[in-house]
């Protein structure tokens, strides 16, 4: 299986599983924003997706922290540095109030 086909298959599986998990609209928006931003930051890993729409993730590299945070903010989130685990920032992004 080629890398592109494998990535497409994994993405389809993840989307199907997200639908089965019964995400609410706030979580669904966070899921899509995170995965859209993750395409440019290979080390970003989703840690938690709370019912209110807060997205918690971590990144491996400092440069990727900045890139990921800026992308999430473009998607309508306000992000702050939660806690740092070793050298991996754990970031919390909250949906911007309407």
PDB file of N, CA and C in Angstrom:
ATOM      1  N   UNK A   1       0.852  -1.164   0.000  1.00  0.00           N
ATOM      2  CA  UNK A   1       0.000   0.000   0.000  1.00  0.00           C
ATOM      3  C   UNK A   1       0.904   1.236   0.000  1.00  0.00           C
ATOM      4  N   UNK A   2       0.630   2.186  -0.887  1.00  0.00           N
ATOM      5  CA  UNK A   2       1.453   3.386  -0.949  1.00  0.00           C
ATOM      6  C   UNK A   2       1.202   4.263   0.272  1.00  0.00           C
ATOM      7  N   UNK A   3       2.125   5.166   0.511  1.00  0.00           N
ATOM      8  CA  UNK A   3       2.009   6.066   1.656  1.00  0.00           C
ATOM      9  C   UNK A   3       0.765   6.937   1.543  1.00  0.00           C
ATOM     10  N   UNK A   4       0.484   7.458   0.359  1.00  0.00           N
ATOM     11  CA  UNK A   4      -0.688   8.320   0.166  1.00  0.00           C
ATOM     12  C   UNK A   4      -1.977   7.531   0.401  1.00  0.00           C
ATOM     13  N   UNK A   5      -2.041   6.318  -0.095  1.00  0.00           N
ATOM     14  CA  UNK A   5      -3.231   5.489   0.099  1.00  0.00           C
ATOM     15  C   UNK A   5      -3.395   5.124   1.568  1.00  0.00           C
ATOM     16  N   UNK A   6      -2.287   4.834   2.226  1.00  0.00           N
ATOM     17  CA  UNK A   6      -2.329   4.508   3.657  1.00  0.00           C
ATOM     18  C   UNK A   6      -2.836   5.709   4.454  1.00  0.00           C
ATOM     19  N   UNK A   7      -2.349   6.912   4.134  1.00  0.00           N
ATOM     20  CA  UNK A   7      -2.781   8.127   4.836  1.00  0.00           C
ATOM     21  C   UNK A   7      -4.262   8.384   4.598  1.00  0.00           C
ATOM     22  N   UNK A   8      -4.718   8.193   3.382  1.00  0.00           N
ATOM     23  CA  UNK A   8      -6.129   8.392   3.051  1.00  0.00           C
ATOM     24  C   UNK A   8      -7.000   7.383   3.787  1.00  0.00           C
ATOM     25  N   UNK A   9      -6.556   6.144   3.844  1.00  0.00           N
ATOM     26  CA  UNK A   9      -7.296   5.104   4.559  1.00  0.00           C
ATOM     27  C   UNK A   9      -7.379   5.412   6.050  1.00  0.00           C
ATOM     28  N   UNK A  10      -6.262   5.838   6.638  1.00  0.00           N
ATOM     29  CA  UNK A  10      -6.249   6.183   8.066  1.00  0.00           C
ATOM     30  C   UNK A  10      -7.159   7.371   8.352  1.00  0.00           C
ATOM     31  N   UNK A  11      -7.131   8.375   7.478  1.00  0.00           N
ATOM     32  CA  UNK A  11      -7.998   9.542   7.661  1.00  0.00           C
ATOM     33  C   UNK A  11      -9.457   9.144   7.593  1.00  0.00           C
ATOM     34  N   UNK A  12      -9.822   8.310   6.623  1.00  0.00           N
ATOM     35  CA  UNK A  12     -11.207   7.853   6.504  1.00  0.00           C
ATOM     36  C   UNK A  12     -11.626   7.057   7.732  1.00  0.00           C
ATOM     37  N   UNK A  13     -10.733   6.213   8.221  1.00  0.00           N
ATOM     38  CA  UNK A  13     -11.034   5.429   9.423  1.00  0.00           C
ATOM     39  C   UNK A  13     -11.223   6.328  10.634  1.00  0.00           C
ATOM     40  N   UNK A  14     -10.356   7.313  10.794  1.00  0.00           N
ATOM     41  CA  UNK A  14     -10.478   8.246  11.918  1.00  0.00           C
ATOM     42  C   UNK A  14     -11.774   9.031  11.849  1.00  0.00           C
ATOM     43  N   UNK A  15     -12.151   9.476  10.669  1.00  0.00           N
ATOM     44  CA  UNK A  15     -13.406  10.205  10.527  1.00  0.00           C
ATOM     45  C   UNK A  15     -14.602   9.319  10.841  1.00  0.00           C
ATOM     46  N   UNK A  16     -14.542   8.079  10.417  1.00  0.00           N
ATOM     47  CA  UNK A  16     -15.630   7.140  10.716  1.00  0.00           C
ATOM     48  C   UNK A  16     -15.723   6.885  12.208  1.00  0.00           C
ATOM     49  N   UNK A  17     -14.581   6.714  12.850  1.00  0.00           N
ATOM     50  CA  UNK A  17     -14.576   6.489  14.300  1.00  0.00           C
ATOM     51  C   UNK A  17     -15.074   7.717  15.048  1.00  0.00           C
ATOM     52  N   UNK A  18     -14.752   8.894  14.561  1.00  0.00           N
ATOM     53  CA  UNK A  18     -15.225  10.120  15.212  1.00  0.00           C
ATOM     54  C   UNK A  18     -16.743  10.185  15.152  1.00  0.00           C
ATOM     55  N   UNK A  19     -17.309   9.783  14.031  1.00  0.00           N
ATOM     56  CA  UNK A  19     -18.765   9.761  13.905  1.00  0.00           C
ATOM     57  C   UNK A  19     -19.389   8.757  14.845  1.00  0.00           C
ATOM     58  N   UNK A  20     -18.753   7.623  15.039  1.00  0.00           N
ATOM     59  CA  UNK A  20     -19.264   6.592  15.936  1.00  0.00           C
ATOM     60  C   UNK A  20     -19.159   7.021  17.393  1.00  0.00           C
ATOM     61  N   UNK A  21     -18.195   7.854  17.692  1.00  0.00           N
ATOM     62  CA  UNK A  21     -17.998   8.283  19.071  1.00  0.00           C
ATOM     63  C   UNK A  21     -19.065   9.262  19.504  1.00  0.00           C
ATOM     64  N   UNK A  22     -19.839   9.782  18.576  1.00  0.00           N
ATOM     65  CA  UNK A  22     -20.901  10.706  18.911  1.00  0.00           C
ATOM     66  C   UNK A  22     -20.385  12.060  19.364  1.00  0.00           C
ATOM     67  N   UNK A  23     -19.468  12.644  18.622  1.00  0.00           N
ATOM     68  CA  UNK A  23     -18.962  13.966  18.974  1.00  0.00           C
ATOM     69  C   UNK A  23     -20.066  14.998  18.860  1.00  0.00           C
ATOM     70  N   UNK A  24     -20.084  15.926  19.801  1.00  0.00           N
ATOM     71  CA  UNK A  24     -21.049  17.019  19.695  1.00  0.00           C
ATOM     72  C   UNK A  24     -20.494  18.057  18.722  1.00  0.00           C
ATOM     73  N   UNK A  25     -21.287  19.053  18.315  1.00  0.00           N
ATOM     74  CA  UNK A  25     -20.808  20.024  17.318  1.00  0.00           C
ATOM     75  C   UNK A  25     -19.530  20.765  17.725  1.00  0.00           C
ATOM     76  N   UNK A  26     -19.379  21.100  19.005  1.00  0.00           N
ATOM     77  CA  UNK A  26     -18.157  21.789  19.460  1.00  0.00           C
ATOM     78  C   UNK A  26     -16.942  20.881  19.338  1.00  0.00           C
ATOM     79  N   UNK A  27     -17.105  19.612  19.712  1.00  0.00           N
ATOM     80  CA  UNK A  27     -16.000  18.658  19.595  1.00  0.00           C
ATOM     81  C   UNK A  27     -15.671  18.399  18.127  1.00  0.00           C
ATOM     82  N   UNK A  28     -16.689  18.290  17.307  1.00  0.00           N
ATOM     83  CA  UNK A  28     -16.487  18.049  15.882  1.00  0.00           C
ATOM     84  C   UNK A  28     -15.688  19.190  15.249  1.00  0.00           C
ATOM     85  N   UNK A  29     -16.025  20.430  15.618  1.00  0.00           N
ATOM     86  CA  UNK A  29     -15.284  21.586  15.095  1.00  0.00           C
ATOM     87  C   UNK A  29     -13.827  21.528  15.547  1.00  0.00           C
ATOM     88  N   UNK A  30     -13.603  21.174  16.810  1.00  0.00           N
ATOM     89  CA  UNK A  30     -12.234  21.057  17.320  1.00  0.00           C
ATOM     90  C   UNK A  30     -11.454  19.962  16.631  1.00  0.00           C
ATOM     91  N   UNK A  31     -12.130  18.836  16.401  1.00  0.00           N
ATOM     92  CA  UNK A  31     -11.508  17.695  15.711  1.00  0.00           C
ATOM     93  C   UNK A  31     -11.017  18.115  14.325  1.00  0.00           C
ATOM     94  N   UNK A  32     -11.898  18.778  13.585  1.00  0.00           N
ATOM     95  CA  UNK A  32     -11.548  19.178  12.225  1.00  0.00           C
ATOM     96  C   UNK A  32     -10.459  20.257  12.209  1.00  0.00           C
ATOM     97  N   UNK A  33     -10.552  21.228  13.118  1.00  0.00           N
ATOM     98  CA  UNK A  33      -9.528  22.281  13.178  1.00  0.00           C
ATOM     99  C   UNK A  33      -8.168  21.673  13.496  1.00  0.00           C
ATOM    100  N   UNK A  34      -8.125  20.801  14.519  1.00  0.00           N
ATOM    101  CA  UNK A  34      -6.854  20.182  14.899  1.00  0.00           C
ATOM    102  C   UNK A  34      -6.246  19.414  13.732  1.00  0.00           C
ATOM    103  N   UNK A  35      -7.034  18.574  13.088  1.00  0.00           N
ATOM    104  CA  UNK A  35      -6.482  17.738  12.016  1.00  0.00           C
ATOM    105  C   UNK A  35      -6.117  18.547  10.786  1.00  0.00           C
ATOM    106  N   UNK A  36      -6.810  19.653  10.536  1.00  0.00           N
ATOM    107  CA  UNK A  36      -6.423  20.523   9.435  1.00  0.00           C
ATOM    108  C   UNK A  36      -5.057  21.144   9.740  1.00  0.00           C
ATOM    109  N   UNK A  37      -4.872  21.603  10.964  1.00  0.00           N
ATOM    110  CA  UNK A  37      -3.597  22.216  11.362  1.00  0.00           C
ATOM    111  C   UNK A  37      -2.476  21.185  11.477  1.00  0.00           C
ATOM    112  N   UNK A  38      -2.800  19.989  11.872  1.00  0.00           N
ATOM    113  CA  UNK A  38      -1.800  18.942  12.072  1.00  0.00           C
ATOM    114  C   UNK A  38      -1.075  18.585  10.771  1.00  0.00           C
ATOM    115  N   UNK A  39      -1.692  18.846   9.646  1.00  0.00           N
ATOM    116  CA  UNK A  39      -1.064  18.508   8.358  1.00  0.00           C
ATOM    117  C   UNK A  39       0.274  19.204   8.166  1.00  0.00           C
ATOM    118  N   UNK A  40       0.472  20.364   8.810  1.00  0.00           N
ATOM    119  CA  UNK A  40       1.729  21.100   8.640  1.00  0.00           C
ATOM    120  C   UNK A  40       2.675  20.930   9.823  1.00  0.00           C
ATOM    121  N   UNK A  41       2.251  20.206  10.851  1.00  0.00           N
ATOM    122  CA  UNK A  41       3.085  20.013  12.036  1.00  0.00           C
ATOM    123  C   UNK A  41       3.086  18.538  12.397  1.00  0.00           C
ATOM    124  N   UNK A  42       4.082  17.836  11.929  1.00  0.00           N
ATOM    125  CA  UNK A  42       4.102  16.376  12.052  1.00  0.00           C
ATOM    126  C   UNK A  42       4.143  15.863  13.489  1.00  0.00           C
ATOM    127  N   UNK A  43       4.625  16.661  14.436  1.00  0.00           N
ATOM    128  CA  UNK A  43       4.725  16.142  15.795  1.00  0.00           C
ATOM    129  C   UNK A  43       3.503  16.445  16.659  1.00  0.00           C
ATOM    130  N   UNK A  44       2.546  17.205  16.156  1.00  0.00           N
ATOM    131  CA  UNK A  44       1.366  17.544  16.957  1.00  0.00           C
ATOM    132  C   UNK A  44       0.540  16.289  17.215  1.00  0.00           C
ATOM    133  N   UNK A  45       0.173  16.096  18.483  1.00  0.00           N
ATOM    134  CA  UNK A  45      -0.625  14.934  18.876  1.00  0.00           C
ATOM    135  C   UNK A  45      -1.797  15.408  19.730  1.00  0.00           C
ATOM    136  N   UNK A  46      -2.984  14.982  19.358  1.00  0.00           N
ATOM    137  CA  UNK A  46      -4.186  15.333  20.098  1.00  0.00           C
ATOM    138  C   UNK A  46      -4.176  14.605  21.436  1.00  0.00           C
ATOM    139  N   UNK A  47      -4.319  15.331  22.515  1.00  0.00           N
ATOM    140  CA  UNK A  47      -4.334  14.746  23.855  1.00  0.00           C
ATOM    141  C   UNK A  47      -5.762  14.543  24.356  1.00  0.00           C
ATOM    142  N   UNK A  48      -6.631  15.540  24.121  1.00  0.00           N
ATOM    143  CA  UNK A  48      -7.984  15.482  24.653  1.00  0.00           C
ATOM    144  C   UNK A  48      -8.866  16.434  23.859  1.00  0.00           C
ATOM    145  N   UNK A  49     -10.133  16.095  23.755  1.00  0.00           N
ATOM    146  CA  UNK A  49     -11.123  16.910  23.056  1.00  0.00           C
ATOM    147  C   UNK A  49     -12.341  16.966  23.971  1.00  0.00           C
ATOM    148  N   UNK A  50     -12.482  18.080  24.692  1.00  0.00           N
ATOM    149  CA  UNK A  50     -13.511  18.181  25.713  1.00  0.00           C
ATOM    150  C   UNK A  50     -14.875  18.547  25.133  1.00  0.00           C
ATOM    151  N   UNK A  51     -15.936  18.261  25.860  1.00  0.00           N
ATOM    152  CA  UNK A  51     -17.292  18.495  25.377  1.00  0.00           C
ATOM    153  C   UNK A  51     -17.552  19.945  25.009  1.00  0.00           C
ATOM    154  N   UNK A  52     -16.944  20.877  25.719  1.00  0.00           N
ATOM    155  CA  UNK A  52     -17.132  22.297  25.422  1.00  0.00           C
ATOM    156  C   UNK A  52     -16.367  22.762  24.204  1.00  0.00           C
ATOM    157  N   UNK A  53     -15.598  21.870  23.589  1.00  0.00           N
ATOM    158  CA  UNK A  53     -14.855  22.199  22.381  1.00  0.00           C
ATOM    159  C   UNK A  53     -13.389  22.498  22.611  1.00  0.00           C
ATOM    160  N   UNK A  54     -12.925  22.454  23.876  1.00  0.00           N
ATOM    161  CA  UNK A  54     -11.507  22.713  24.118  1.00  0.00           C
ATOM    162  C   UNK A  54     -10.675  21.579  23.537  1.00  0.00           C
ATOM    163  N   UNK A  55      -9.628  21.966  22.832  1.00  0.00           N
ATOM    164  CA  UNK A  55      -8.710  21.017  22.200  1.00  0.00           C
ATOM    165  C   UNK A  55      -7.386  21.078  22.963  1.00  0.00           C
ATOM    166  N   UNK A  56      -6.962  19.950  23.491  1.00  0.00           N
ATOM    167  CA  UNK A  56      -5.663  19.861  24.171  1.00  0.00           C
ATOM    168  C   UNK A  56      -4.742  19.021  23.299  1.00  0.00           C
ATOM    169  N   UNK A  57      -3.587  19.568  22.994  1.00  0.00           N
ATOM    170  CA  UNK A  57      -2.628  18.827  22.176  1.00  0.00           C
ATOM    171  C   UNK A  57      -1.223  19.152  22.647  1.00  0.00           C
ATOM    172  N   UNK A  58      -0.266  18.369  22.165  1.00  0.00           N
ATOM    173  CA  UNK A  58       1.142  18.626  22.458  1.00  0.00           C
ATOM    174  C   UNK A  58       1.924  18.581  21.153  1.00  0.00           C
ATOM    175  N   UNK A  59       3.045  19.263  21.170  1.00  0.00           N
ATOM    176  CA  UNK A  59       3.953  19.256  20.023  1.00  0.00           C
ATOM    177  C   UNK A  59       5.350  18.902  20.509  1.00  0.00           C
ATOM    178  N   UNK A  60       6.132  18.366  19.619  1.00  0.00           N
ATOM    179  CA  UNK A  60       7.492  17.944  19.959  1.00  0.00           C
ATOM    180  C   UNK A  60       8.482  19.094  19.837  1.00  0.00           C
ATOM    181  N   UNK A  61       8.334  19.919  18.852  1.00  0.00           N
ATOM    182  CA  UNK A  61       9.303  20.966  18.564  1.00  0.00           C
ATOM    183  C   UNK A  61       8.724  22.347  18.821  1.00  0.00           C
ATOM    184  N   UNK A  62       9.544  23.258  19.294  1.00  0.00           N
ATOM    185  CA  UNK A  62       9.098  24.622  19.567  1.00  0.00           C
ATOM    186  C   UNK A  62       8.559  25.335  18.340  1.00  0.00           C
ATOM    187  N   UNK A  63       9.196  25.135  17.192  1.00  0.00           N
ATOM    188  CA  UNK A  63       8.736  25.768  15.952  1.00  0.00           C
ATOM    189  C   UNK A  63       7.337  25.261  15.610  1.00  0.00           C
ATOM    190  N   UNK A  64       7.113  23.975  15.796  1.00  0.00           N
ATOM    191  CA  UNK A  64       5.801  23.414  15.496  1.00  0.00           C
ATOM    192  C   UNK A  64       4.758  23.920  16.483  1.00  0.00           C
ATOM    193  N   UNK A  65       5.163  24.222  17.704  1.00  0.00           N
ATOM    194  CA  UNK A  65       4.241  24.811  18.671  1.00  0.00           C
ATOM    195  C   UNK A  65       3.686  26.112  18.107  1.00  0.00           C
ATOM    196  N   UNK A  66       4.565  26.983  17.626  1.00  0.00           N
ATOM    197  CA  UNK A  66       4.141  28.284  17.095  1.00  0.00           C
ATOM    198  C   UNK A  66       3.258  28.130  15.868  1.00  0.00           C
ATOM    199  N   UNK A  67       3.636  27.238  14.969  1.00  0.00           N
ATOM    200  CA  UNK A  67       2.866  27.008  13.749  1.00  0.00           C
ATOM    201  C   UNK A  67       1.480  26.462  14.066  1.00  0.00           C
ATOM    202  N   UNK A  68       1.429  25.487  14.946  1.00  0.00           N
ATOM    203  CA  UNK A  68       0.151  24.860  15.313  1.00  0.00           C
ATOM    204  C   UNK A  68      -0.749  25.858  16.028  1.00  0.00           C
ATOM    205  N   UNK A  69      -0.205  26.604  16.959  1.00  0.00           N
ATOM    206  CA  UNK A  69      -0.983  27.591  17.712  1.00  0.00           C
ATOM    207  C   UNK A  69      -1.565  28.642  16.770  1.00  0.00           C
ATOM    208  N   UNK A  70      -0.760  29.151  15.855  1.00  0.00           N
ATOM    209  CA  UNK A  70      -1.231  30.160  14.902  1.00  0.00           C
ATOM    210  C   UNK A  70      -2.345  29.602  14.018  1.00  0.00           C
ATOM    211  N   UNK A  71      -2.203  28.364  13.601  1.00  0.00           N
ATOM    212  CA  UNK A  71      -3.228  27.741  12.763  1.00  0.00           C
ATOM    213  C   UNK A  71      -4.535  27.575  13.536  1.00  0.00           C
ATOM    214  N   UNK A  72      -4.460  27.097  14.764  1.00  0.00           N
ATOM    215  CA  UNK A  72      -5.673  26.923  15.580  1.00  0.00           C
ATOM    216  C   UNK A  72      -6.354  28.276  15.815  1.00  0.00           C
ATOM    217  N   UNK A  73      -5.565  29.317  15.996  1.00  0.00           N
ATOM    218  CA  UNK A  73      -6.142  30.645  16.183  1.00  0.00           C
ATOM    219  C   UNK A  73      -6.833  31.125  14.914  1.00  0.00           C
ATOM    220  N   UNK A  74      -6.299  30.779  13.745  1.00  0.00           N
ATOM    221  CA  UNK A  74      -6.976  31.113  12.479  1.00  0.00           C
ATOM    222  C   UNK A  74      -8.298  30.359  12.348  1.00  0.00           C
ATOM    223  N   UNK A  75      -8.402  29.225  13.014  1.00  0.00           N
ATOM    224  CA  UNK A  75      -9.639  28.429  12.984  1.00  0.00           C
ATOM    225  C   UNK A  75     -10.633  28.864  14.064  1.00  0.00           C
ATOM    226  N   UNK A  76     -10.355  29.950  14.761  1.00  0.00           N
ATOM    227  CA  UNK A  76     -11.312  30.477  15.724  1.00  0.00           C
ATOM    228  C   UNK A  76     -11.104  30.044  17.158  1.00  0.00           C
ATOM    229  N   UNK A  77      -9.889  29.682  17.517  1.00  0.00           N
ATOM    230  CA  UNK A  77      -9.583  29.254  18.879  1.00  0.00           C
ATOM    231  C   UNK A  77      -8.637  30.252  19.541  1.00  0.00           C
ATOM    232  N   UNK A  78      -8.701  30.324  20.856  1.00  0.00           N
ATOM    233  CA  UNK A  78      -7.760  31.092  21.656  1.00  0.00           C
ATOM    234  C   UNK A  78      -6.925  30.047  22.392  1.00  0.00           C
ATOM    235  N   UNK A  79      -5.620  30.103  22.224  1.00  0.00           N
ATOM    236  CA  UNK A  79      -4.756  29.053  22.768  1.00  0.00           C
ATOM    237  C   UNK A  79      -3.810  29.604  23.825  1.00  0.00           C
ATOM    238  N   UNK A  80      -3.529  28.766  24.806  1.00  0.00           N
ATOM    239  CA  UNK A  80      -2.525  29.101  25.800  1.00  0.00           C
ATOM    240  C   UNK A  80      -1.696  27.868  26.107  1.00  0.00           C
ATOM    241  N   UNK A  81      -0.541  28.128  26.662  1.00  0.00           N
ATOM    242  CA  UNK A  81       0.348  27.035  27.038  1.00  0.00           C
ATOM    243  C   UNK A  81      -0.167  26.454  28.336  1.00  0.00           C
ATOM    244  N   UNK A  82      -0.568  25.194  28.291  1.00  0.00           N
ATOM    245  CA  UNK A  82      -1.063  24.538  29.487  1.00  0.00           C
ATOM    246  C   UNK A  82       0.094  24.217  30.414  1.00  0.00           C
ATOM    247  N   UNK A  83       0.673  23.072  30.244  1.00  0.00           N
ATOM    248  CA  UNK A  83       1.829  22.663  31.036  1.00  0.00           C
ATOM    249  C   UNK A  83       2.883  22.146  30.074  1.00  0.00           C
ATOM    250  N   UNK A  84       4.106  22.165  30.507  1.00  0.00           N
ATOM    251  CA  UNK A  84       5.176  21.628  29.677  1.00  0.00           C
ATOM    252  C   UNK A  84       5.620  20.302  30.268  1.00  0.00           C
ATOM    253  N   UNK A  85       5.620  19.292  29.425  1.00  0.00           N
ATOM    254  CA  UNK A  85       6.058  17.960  29.827  1.00  0.00           C
ATOM    255  C   UNK A  85       7.418  17.758  29.178  1.00  0.00           C
ATOM    256  N   UNK A  86       8.469  17.871  29.958  1.00  0.00           N
ATOM    257  CA  UNK A  86       9.807  17.828  29.381  1.00  0.00           C
ATOM    258  C   UNK A  86       9.968  19.018  28.466  1.00  0.00           C
ATOM    259  N   UNK A  87      10.280  18.783  27.219  1.00  0.00           N
ATOM    260  CA  UNK A  87      10.411  19.872  26.254  1.00  0.00           C
ATOM    261  C   UNK A  87       9.203  19.938  25.329  1.00  0.00           C
ATOM    262  N   UNK A  88       8.148  19.177  25.645  1.00  0.00           N
ATOM    263  CA  UNK A  88       6.972  19.151  24.773  1.00  0.00           C
ATOM    264  C   UNK A  88       5.869  20.031  25.354  1.00  0.00           C
ATOM    265  N   UNK A  89       5.609  21.170  24.726  1.00  0.00           N
ATOM    266  CA  UNK A  89       4.525  22.016  25.221  1.00  0.00           C
ATOM    267  C   UNK A  89       3.170  21.326  25.055  1.00  0.00           C
ATOM    268  N   UNK A  90       2.364  21.384  26.080  1.00  0.00           N
ATOM    269  CA  UNK A  90       0.982  20.899  26.025  1.00  0.00           C
ATOM    270  C   UNK A  90       0.114  22.139  25.930  1.00  0.00           C
ATOM    271  N   UNK A  91      -0.630  22.299  24.857  1.00  0.00           N
ATOM    272  CA  UNK A  91      -1.379  23.512  24.577  1.00  0.00           C
ATOM    273  C   UNK A  91      -2.875  23.270  24.730  1.00  0.00           C
ATOM    274  N   UNK A  92      -3.566  24.262  25.293  1.00  0.00           N
ATOM    275  CA  UNK A  92      -5.014  24.218  25.425  1.00  0.00           C
ATOM    276  C   UNK A  92      -5.596  25.288  24.514  1.00  0.00           C
ATOM    277  N   UNK A  93      -6.519  24.903  23.633  1.00  0.00           N
ATOM    278  CA  UNK A  93      -7.160  25.855  22.731  1.00  0.00           C
ATOM    279  C   UNK A  93      -8.665  25.839  22.991  1.00  0.00           C
ATOM    280  N   UNK A  94      -9.189  27.014  23.260  1.00  0.00           N
ATOM    281  CA  UNK A  94     -10.608  27.178  23.592  1.00  0.00           C
ATOM    282  C   UNK A  94     -11.323  27.824  22.411  1.00  0.00           C
ATOM    283  N   UNK A  95     -12.559  27.392  22.115  1.00  0.00           N
ATOM    284  CA  UNK A  95     -13.318  28.065  21.054  1.00  0.00           C
ATOM    285  C   UNK A  95     -13.506  29.544  21.434  1.00  0.00           C
ATOM    286  N   UNK A  96     -13.278  30.409  20.478  1.00  0.00           N
ATOM    287  CA  UNK A  96     -13.457  31.840  20.706  1.00  0.00           C
ATOM    288  C   UNK A  96     -14.928  32.121  20.931  1.00  0.00           C
ATOM    289  N   UNK A  97     -15.245  32.915  21.936  1.00  0.00           N
ATOM    290  CA  UNK A  97     -16.648  33.268  22.229  1.00  0.00           C
ATOM    291  C   UNK A  97     -17.220  34.066  21.067  1.00  0.00           C
ATOM    292  N   UNK A  98     -18.451  33.726  20.707  1.00  0.00           N
ATOM    293  CA  UNK A  98     -19.089  34.418  19.569  1.00  0.00           C
ATOM    294  C   UNK A  98     -19.550  35.791  19.944  1.00  0.00           C
TER     295      UNK A  98
END
